[in-house]
Amino acid sequence: MTKITEHFSLEELTKTNQPFDNTPNIEQITNLKTLANTVLEPLRIKFGKPIIVNSGFRSDEVNDAVKGSKTSQHLSGQAADITSSNNKELWDIATQMVKDGDITVGQLIDEYDLKWIHISSPNLKHKNEIKNIK
């Protein structure tokens, strides 16, 4: 296992149930490390409970298979869809951390009444956007 932070590994940020290669390149790995160190790990520490990464990096083939956006930050290793034992609590903590400036995200999205939470690194297009998708 390739640990990136205390609580996150490269393997969990690149796993997929799709039958396609999902190996990130060096730039994408660097982006995953940034996401894990600056967003996911601080959130995990504040939350105090495990966070499950349902989808992190996605190759073009994996992204197409899951009908992801062609401009998804998952393609560059800058986003993760996460869940936990209590998605409402995780959402509330993440939202407060963004508002307090404890973490800077690209987007924090409540997907389908907290079925999962999309969280990404900031970039030129997105910074501290908090929204819901129904």
N, C-alpha and C. Protein backbone atom coordinates (compact mmCIF):
# COMPACT_ATOMS: atom_id res chain seq x y z
N MET A 1 0.85 -1.18 0.00
CA MET A 1 0.00 0.00 0.00
C MET A 1 0.90 1.25 0.00
N THR A 2 0.54 2.21 -0.82
CA THR A 2 1.29 3.45 -0.93
C THR A 2 0.57 4.54 -0.17
N LYS A 3 1.03 4.76 1.07
CA LYS A 3 0.40 5.79 1.91
C LYS A 3 0.73 7.18 1.38
N ILE A 4 -0.29 8.03 1.29
CA ILE A 4 -0.08 9.43 0.92
C ILE A 4 -0.13 10.28 2.19
N THR A 5 -1.10 9.97 3.03
CA THR A 5 -1.23 10.65 4.32
C THR A 5 -1.47 9.56 5.37
N GLU A 6 -1.67 9.95 6.60
CA GLU A 6 -1.93 8.97 7.65
C GLU A 6 -3.16 8.11 7.33
N HIS A 7 -4.18 8.71 6.73
CA HIS A 7 -5.45 8.00 6.53
C HIS A 7 -5.79 7.68 5.08
N PHE A 8 -4.98 8.09 4.12
CA PHE A 8 -5.32 7.86 2.71
C PHE A 8 -4.14 7.28 1.94
N SER A 9 -4.47 6.34 1.05
CA SER A 9 -3.45 5.70 0.21
C SER A 9 -3.73 5.98 -1.26
N LEU A 10 -2.69 5.83 -2.06
CA LEU A 10 -2.85 5.99 -3.50
C LEU A 10 -3.83 4.97 -4.05
N GLU A 11 -3.79 3.76 -3.52
CA GLU A 11 -4.68 2.70 -4.01
C GLU A 11 -6.15 3.04 -3.81
N GLU A 12 -6.51 3.59 -2.65
CA GLU A 12 -7.92 3.91 -2.43
C GLU A 12 -8.37 5.10 -3.25
N LEU A 13 -7.44 5.96 -3.63
CA LEU A 13 -7.79 7.12 -4.46
C LEU A 13 -7.82 6.80 -5.94
N THR A 14 -7.45 5.56 -6.31
CA THR A 14 -7.45 5.17 -7.72
C THR A 14 -8.27 3.91 -7.98
N LYS A 15 -8.88 3.35 -6.94
CA LYS A 15 -9.64 2.10 -7.15
C LYS A 15 -10.89 2.36 -7.99
N THR A 16 -11.28 1.33 -8.72
CA THR A 16 -12.49 1.41 -9.53
C THR A 16 -13.08 0.01 -9.67
N ASN A 17 -14.38 -0.05 -9.88
CA ASN A 17 -15.00 -1.34 -10.16
C ASN A 17 -15.22 -1.50 -11.66
N GLN A 18 -14.69 -0.59 -12.44
CA GLN A 18 -14.79 -0.65 -13.89
C GLN A 18 -13.64 -1.51 -14.44
N PRO A 19 -13.86 -2.21 -15.56
CA PRO A 19 -12.84 -3.11 -16.10
C PRO A 19 -11.80 -2.41 -16.99
N PHE A 20 -11.36 -1.22 -16.57
CA PHE A 20 -10.42 -0.46 -17.38
C PHE A 20 -9.20 -0.09 -16.54
N ASP A 21 -8.07 0.13 -17.22
CA ASP A 21 -6.88 0.58 -16.53
C ASP A 21 -7.18 1.94 -15.91
N ASN A 22 -6.78 2.12 -14.67
CA ASN A 22 -7.03 3.38 -13.97
C ASN A 22 -5.74 3.84 -13.28
N THR A 23 -4.65 3.76 -14.02
CA THR A 23 -3.34 4.13 -13.49
C THR A 23 -3.06 5.60 -13.79
N PRO A 24 -2.88 6.41 -12.76
CA PRO A 24 -2.60 7.83 -12.99
C PRO A 24 -1.15 8.06 -13.40
N ASN A 25 -0.92 9.15 -14.15
CA ASN A 25 0.44 9.53 -14.50
C ASN A 25 1.04 10.35 -13.35
N ILE A 26 2.27 10.80 -13.51
CA ILE A 26 2.96 11.53 -12.44
C ILE A 26 2.22 12.79 -12.03
N GLU A 27 1.73 13.56 -13.01
CA GLU A 27 1.00 14.80 -12.69
C GLU A 27 -0.28 14.49 -11.92
N GLN A 28 -0.99 13.47 -12.34
CA GLN A 28 -2.23 13.09 -11.65
C GLN A 28 -1.94 12.58 -10.24
N ILE A 29 -0.85 11.86 -10.05
CA ILE A 29 -0.46 11.41 -8.71
C ILE A 29 -0.13 12.62 -7.83
N THR A 30 0.58 13.59 -8.40
CA THR A 30 0.90 14.81 -7.65
C THR A 30 -0.39 15.51 -7.21
N ASN A 31 -1.37 15.57 -8.11
CA ASN A 31 -2.66 16.19 -7.79
C ASN A 31 -3.39 15.41 -6.70
N LEU A 32 -3.33 14.07 -6.76
CA LEU A 32 -3.96 13.25 -5.73
C LEU A 32 -3.31 13.49 -4.37
N LYS A 33 -1.99 13.62 -4.36
CA LYS A 33 -1.28 13.90 -3.11
C LYS A 33 -1.71 15.26 -2.54
N THR A 34 -1.84 16.25 -3.41
CA THR A 34 -2.29 17.58 -2.96
C THR A 34 -3.70 17.49 -2.39
N LEU A 35 -4.60 16.82 -3.09
CA LEU A 35 -5.97 16.65 -2.62
C LEU A 35 -5.98 15.96 -1.25
N ALA A 36 -5.22 14.89 -1.12
CA ALA A 36 -5.21 14.14 0.14
C ALA A 36 -4.63 14.98 1.28
N ASN A 37 -3.54 15.69 1.02
CA ASN A 37 -2.86 16.43 2.08
C ASN A 37 -3.58 17.72 2.48
N THR A 38 -4.19 18.41 1.52
CA THR A 38 -4.75 19.73 1.83
C THR A 38 -6.26 19.73 2.06
N VAL A 39 -6.94 18.67 1.62
CA VAL A 39 -8.39 18.63 1.75
C VAL A 39 -8.86 17.40 2.54
N LEU A 40 -8.54 16.22 2.05
CA LEU A 40 -9.09 15.01 2.66
C LEU A 40 -8.55 14.74 4.06
N GLU A 41 -7.25 14.84 4.24
CA GLU A 41 -6.67 14.54 5.56
C GLU A 41 -7.13 15.53 6.63
N PRO A 42 -7.09 16.84 6.37
CA PRO A 42 -7.62 17.76 7.40
C PRO A 42 -9.09 17.49 7.73
N LEU A 43 -9.88 17.13 6.72
CA LEU A 43 -11.29 16.81 6.95
C LEU A 43 -11.41 15.54 7.79
N ARG A 44 -10.61 14.54 7.48
CA ARG A 44 -10.64 13.28 8.22
C ARG A 44 -10.26 13.50 9.69
N ILE A 45 -9.26 14.31 9.92
CA ILE A 45 -8.82 14.59 11.30
C ILE A 45 -9.94 15.29 12.08
N LYS A 46 -10.54 16.29 11.47
CA LYS A 46 -11.63 17.03 12.14
C LYS A 46 -12.85 16.13 12.36
N PHE A 47 -13.19 15.32 11.36
CA PHE A 47 -14.35 14.42 11.44
C PHE A 47 -14.11 13.34 12.49
N GLY A 48 -12.90 12.84 12.61
CA GLY A 48 -12.55 11.86 13.63
C GLY A 48 -13.00 10.44 13.37
N LYS A 49 -13.52 10.18 12.18
CA LYS A 49 -13.98 8.84 11.81
C LYS A 49 -13.55 8.55 10.37
N PRO A 50 -13.53 7.28 9.97
CA PRO A 50 -13.11 6.96 8.61
C PRO A 50 -13.96 7.64 7.54
N ILE A 51 -13.29 8.00 6.46
CA ILE A 51 -13.93 8.53 5.26
C ILE A 51 -13.65 7.53 4.15
N ILE A 52 -14.69 7.12 3.44
CA ILE A 52 -14.56 6.16 2.35
C ILE A 52 -14.51 6.91 1.03
N VAL A 53 -13.50 6.63 0.23
CA VAL A 53 -13.39 7.22 -1.10
C VAL A 53 -14.08 6.27 -2.07
N ASN A 54 -15.23 6.70 -2.61
CA ASN A 54 -15.96 5.89 -3.58
C ASN A 54 -15.36 6.03 -4.97
N SER A 55 -14.87 7.22 -5.26
CA SER A 55 -14.28 7.50 -6.57
C SER A 55 -13.29 8.64 -6.42
N GLY A 56 -12.06 8.40 -6.78
CA GLY A 56 -11.05 9.45 -6.78
C GLY A 56 -10.64 9.71 -8.22
N PHE A 57 -9.39 9.39 -8.54
CA PHE A 57 -8.92 9.54 -9.92
C PHE A 57 -9.73 8.64 -10.84
N ARG A 58 -10.01 9.16 -12.04
CA ARG A 58 -10.66 8.36 -13.09
C ARG A 58 -9.92 8.55 -14.40
N SER A 59 -9.55 7.44 -15.01
CA SER A 59 -9.01 7.49 -16.37
C SER A 59 -10.14 7.90 -17.31
N ASP A 60 -9.82 8.26 -18.54
CA ASP A 60 -10.86 8.62 -19.51
C ASP A 60 -11.89 7.51 -19.68
N GLU A 61 -11.41 6.26 -19.74
CA GLU A 61 -12.31 5.12 -19.94
C GLU A 61 -13.23 4.92 -18.73
N VAL A 62 -12.68 5.03 -17.54
CA VAL A 62 -13.49 4.88 -16.32
C VAL A 62 -14.50 6.02 -16.24
N ASN A 63 -14.07 7.24 -16.52
CA ASN A 63 -14.96 8.39 -16.46
C ASN A 63 -16.11 8.24 -17.46
N ASP A 64 -15.80 7.77 -18.66
CA ASP A 64 -16.85 7.53 -19.67
C ASP A 64 -17.82 6.46 -19.18
N ALA A 65 -17.29 5.39 -18.59
CA ALA A 65 -18.13 4.28 -18.13
C ALA A 65 -19.10 4.71 -17.04
N VAL A 66 -18.68 5.64 -16.18
CA VAL A 66 -19.56 6.10 -15.10
C VAL A 66 -20.34 7.35 -15.48
N LYS A 67 -20.23 7.72 -16.75
CA LYS A 67 -20.94 8.89 -17.30
C LYS A 67 -20.54 10.19 -16.59
N GLY A 68 -19.24 10.30 -16.28
CA GLY A 68 -18.72 11.51 -15.65
C GLY A 68 -18.60 12.64 -16.66
N SER A 69 -18.54 13.85 -16.15
CA SER A 69 -18.38 15.03 -16.99
C SER A 69 -17.04 14.98 -17.73
N LYS A 70 -17.02 15.46 -18.96
CA LYS A 70 -15.79 15.50 -19.75
C LYS A 70 -14.77 16.47 -19.14
N THR A 71 -15.24 17.38 -18.27
CA THR A 71 -14.34 18.34 -17.63
C THR A 71 -14.17 18.03 -16.13
N SER A 72 -14.51 16.81 -15.73
CA SER A 72 -14.44 16.42 -14.32
C SER A 72 -13.03 16.55 -13.76
N GLN A 73 -12.94 17.06 -12.54
CA GLN A 73 -11.65 17.12 -11.85
C GLN A 73 -11.15 15.73 -11.44
N HIS A 74 -12.01 14.72 -11.51
CA HIS A 74 -11.57 13.34 -11.26
C HIS A 74 -10.52 12.94 -12.30
N LEU A 75 -10.64 13.45 -13.52
CA LEU A 75 -9.71 13.09 -14.60
C LEU A 75 -8.29 13.56 -14.32
N SER A 76 -8.15 14.63 -13.57
CA SER A 76 -6.82 15.16 -13.27
C SER A 76 -6.33 14.75 -11.88
N GLY A 77 -7.13 13.96 -11.16
CA GLY A 77 -6.75 13.56 -9.81
C GLY A 77 -7.00 14.64 -8.78
N GLN A 78 -7.92 15.55 -9.08
CA GLN A 78 -8.19 16.67 -8.19
C GLN A 78 -9.52 16.57 -7.47
N ALA A 79 -10.19 15.40 -7.52
CA ALA A 79 -11.51 15.28 -6.89
C ALA A 79 -11.72 13.89 -6.34
N ALA A 80 -12.59 13.82 -5.34
CA ALA A 80 -13.00 12.54 -4.77
C ALA A 80 -14.47 12.61 -4.39
N ASP A 81 -15.15 11.50 -4.59
CA ASP A 81 -16.51 11.34 -4.08
C ASP A 81 -16.37 10.50 -2.82
N ILE A 82 -16.87 11.02 -1.71
CA ILE A 82 -16.65 10.38 -0.42
C ILE A 82 -17.95 10.11 0.32
N THR A 83 -17.89 9.13 1.22
CA THR A 83 -18.99 8.84 2.12
C THR A 83 -18.40 8.49 3.49
N SER A 84 -19.29 8.33 4.45
CA SER A 84 -18.88 7.95 5.80
C SER A 84 -20.04 7.27 6.49
N SER A 85 -19.85 6.98 7.75
CA SER A 85 -20.93 6.40 8.55
C SER A 85 -22.05 7.40 8.81
N ASN A 86 -21.75 8.70 8.60
CA ASN A 86 -22.73 9.76 8.81
C ASN A 86 -22.46 10.89 7.82
N ASN A 87 -23.03 10.78 6.64
CA ASN A 87 -22.75 11.77 5.59
C ASN A 87 -23.23 13.17 5.96
N LYS A 88 -24.30 13.28 6.72
CA LYS A 88 -24.80 14.60 7.14
C LYS A 88 -23.77 15.29 8.04
N GLU A 89 -23.25 14.56 9.00
CA GLU A 89 -22.24 15.12 9.88
C GLU A 89 -20.97 15.48 9.09
N LEU A 90 -20.55 14.60 8.19
CA LEU A 90 -19.38 14.87 7.35
C LEU A 90 -19.59 16.13 6.52
N TRP A 91 -20.76 16.26 5.92
CA TRP A 91 -21.11 17.44 5.13
C TRP A 91 -21.06 18.70 5.99
N ASP A 92 -21.67 18.64 7.16
CA ASP A 92 -21.70 19.81 8.04
C ASP A 92 -20.29 20.24 8.44
N ILE A 93 -19.44 19.28 8.76
CA ILE A 93 -18.07 19.60 9.15
C ILE A 93 -17.30 20.17 7.95
N ALA A 94 -17.42 19.54 6.80
CA ALA A 94 -16.71 20.03 5.61
C ALA A 94 -17.15 21.44 5.26
N THR A 95 -18.45 21.68 5.29
CA THR A 95 -18.99 23.01 4.97
C THR A 95 -18.44 24.05 5.93
N GLN A 96 -18.44 23.72 7.22
CA GLN A 96 -17.94 24.67 8.23
C GLN A 96 -16.45 24.91 8.05
N MET A 97 -15.69 23.87 7.71
CA MET A 97 -14.25 24.03 7.51
C MET A 97 -13.96 24.95 6.32
N VAL A 98 -14.76 24.84 5.27
CA VAL A 98 -14.60 25.74 4.12
C VAL A 98 -14.94 27.17 4.54
N LYS A 99 -16.07 27.35 5.22
CA LYS A 99 -16.48 28.68 5.64
C LYS A 99 -15.49 29.32 6.60
N ASP A 100 -14.87 28.51 7.46
CA ASP A 100 -13.90 29.01 8.43
C ASP A 100 -12.51 29.20 7.84
N GLY A 101 -12.31 28.74 6.60
CA GLY A 101 -11.00 28.84 5.97
C GLY A 101 -10.02 27.77 6.42
N ASP A 102 -10.53 26.71 7.06
CA ASP A 102 -9.65 25.61 7.50
C ASP A 102 -9.21 24.74 6.34
N ILE A 103 -10.04 24.64 5.31
CA ILE A 103 -9.66 23.98 4.06
C ILE A 103 -10.14 24.86 2.91
N THR A 104 -9.43 24.79 1.82
CA THR A 104 -9.85 25.46 0.59
C THR A 104 -10.13 24.38 -0.43
N VAL A 105 -11.33 24.40 -0.97
CA VAL A 105 -11.75 23.39 -1.94
C VAL A 105 -12.05 24.06 -3.27
N GLY A 106 -12.16 23.24 -4.29
CA GLY A 106 -12.68 23.73 -5.55
C GLY A 106 -14.21 23.74 -5.44
N GLN A 107 -14.74 22.54 -5.27
CA GLN A 107 -16.17 22.37 -5.09
C GLN A 107 -16.43 21.40 -3.94
N LEU A 108 -17.49 21.68 -3.21
CA LEU A 108 -18.02 20.79 -2.19
C LEU A 108 -19.49 20.62 -2.58
N ILE A 109 -19.84 19.40 -3.00
CA ILE A 109 -21.18 19.19 -3.56
C ILE A 109 -21.89 18.06 -2.82
N ASP A 110 -23.08 18.39 -2.31
CA ASP A 110 -24.01 17.40 -1.76
C ASP A 110 -24.68 16.76 -2.97
N GLU A 111 -24.34 15.51 -3.24
CA GLU A 111 -24.90 14.81 -4.40
C GLU A 111 -26.09 13.95 -3.98
N TYR A 112 -27.27 14.33 -4.48
CA TYR A 112 -28.49 13.54 -4.32
C TYR A 112 -28.83 13.26 -2.86
N ASP A 113 -29.03 14.36 -2.10
CA ASP A 113 -29.40 14.26 -0.68
C ASP A 113 -28.37 13.46 0.11
N LEU A 114 -27.11 13.81 -0.11
CA LEU A 114 -25.97 13.24 0.61
C LEU A 114 -25.78 11.75 0.38
N LYS A 115 -26.17 11.28 -0.81
CA LYS A 115 -25.83 9.90 -1.18
C LYS A 115 -24.31 9.77 -1.17
N TRP A 116 -23.63 10.82 -1.65
CA TRP A 116 -22.19 10.96 -1.51
C TRP A 116 -21.86 12.43 -1.57
N ILE A 117 -20.62 12.76 -1.22
CA ILE A 117 -20.14 14.14 -1.22
C ILE A 117 -18.98 14.24 -2.20
N HIS A 118 -19.08 15.15 -3.13
CA HIS A 118 -17.99 15.42 -4.06
C HIS A 118 -17.15 16.54 -3.45
N ILE A 119 -15.84 16.34 -3.42
CA ILE A 119 -14.94 17.35 -2.88
C ILE A 119 -13.72 17.42 -3.78
N SER A 120 -13.26 18.64 -4.06
CA SER A 120 -12.14 18.78 -4.99
C SER A 120 -11.17 19.86 -4.53
N SER A 121 -10.00 19.83 -5.16
CA SER A 121 -9.00 20.87 -4.94
C SER A 121 -9.40 22.12 -5.69
N PRO A 122 -9.01 23.29 -5.19
CA PRO A 122 -9.30 24.52 -5.93
C PRO A 122 -8.50 24.58 -7.23
N ASN A 123 -9.08 25.23 -8.23
CA ASN A 123 -8.36 25.48 -9.48
C ASN A 123 -8.81 26.83 -10.01
N LEU A 124 -8.42 27.16 -11.23
CA LEU A 124 -8.77 28.48 -11.78
C LEU A 124 -10.27 28.65 -11.99
N LYS A 125 -10.98 27.53 -12.19
CA LYS A 125 -12.42 27.59 -12.46
C LYS A 125 -13.28 27.52 -11.19
N HIS A 126 -12.78 26.80 -10.19
CA HIS A 126 -13.59 26.56 -8.99
C HIS A 126 -12.80 26.87 -7.72
N LYS A 127 -13.43 27.65 -6.82
CA LYS A 127 -12.82 27.89 -5.51
C LYS A 127 -13.94 28.08 -4.48
N ASN A 128 -13.95 27.19 -3.50
CA ASN A 128 -14.88 27.23 -2.37
C ASN A 128 -16.35 27.34 -2.78
N GLU A 129 -16.71 26.62 -3.84
CA GLU A 129 -18.11 26.52 -4.25
C GLU A 129 -18.78 25.43 -3.41
N ILE A 130 -19.88 25.79 -2.79
CA ILE A 130 -20.66 24.83 -2.00
C ILE A 130 -22.03 24.75 -2.63
N LYS A 131 -22.43 23.55 -3.07
CA LYS A 131 -23.73 23.43 -3.74
C LYS A 131 -24.32 22.04 -3.59
N ASN A 132 -25.54 21.92 -4.05
CA ASN A 132 -26.30 20.67 -3.99
C ASN A 132 -26.72 20.28 -5.39
N ILE A 133 -26.68 18.98 -5.65
CA ILE A 133 -27.24 18.42 -6.88
C ILE A 133 -28.33 17.45 -6.47
N LYS A 134 -29.53 17.68 -6.97
CA LYS A 134 -30.67 16.83 -6.60
C LYS A 134 -30.92 15.76 -7.64
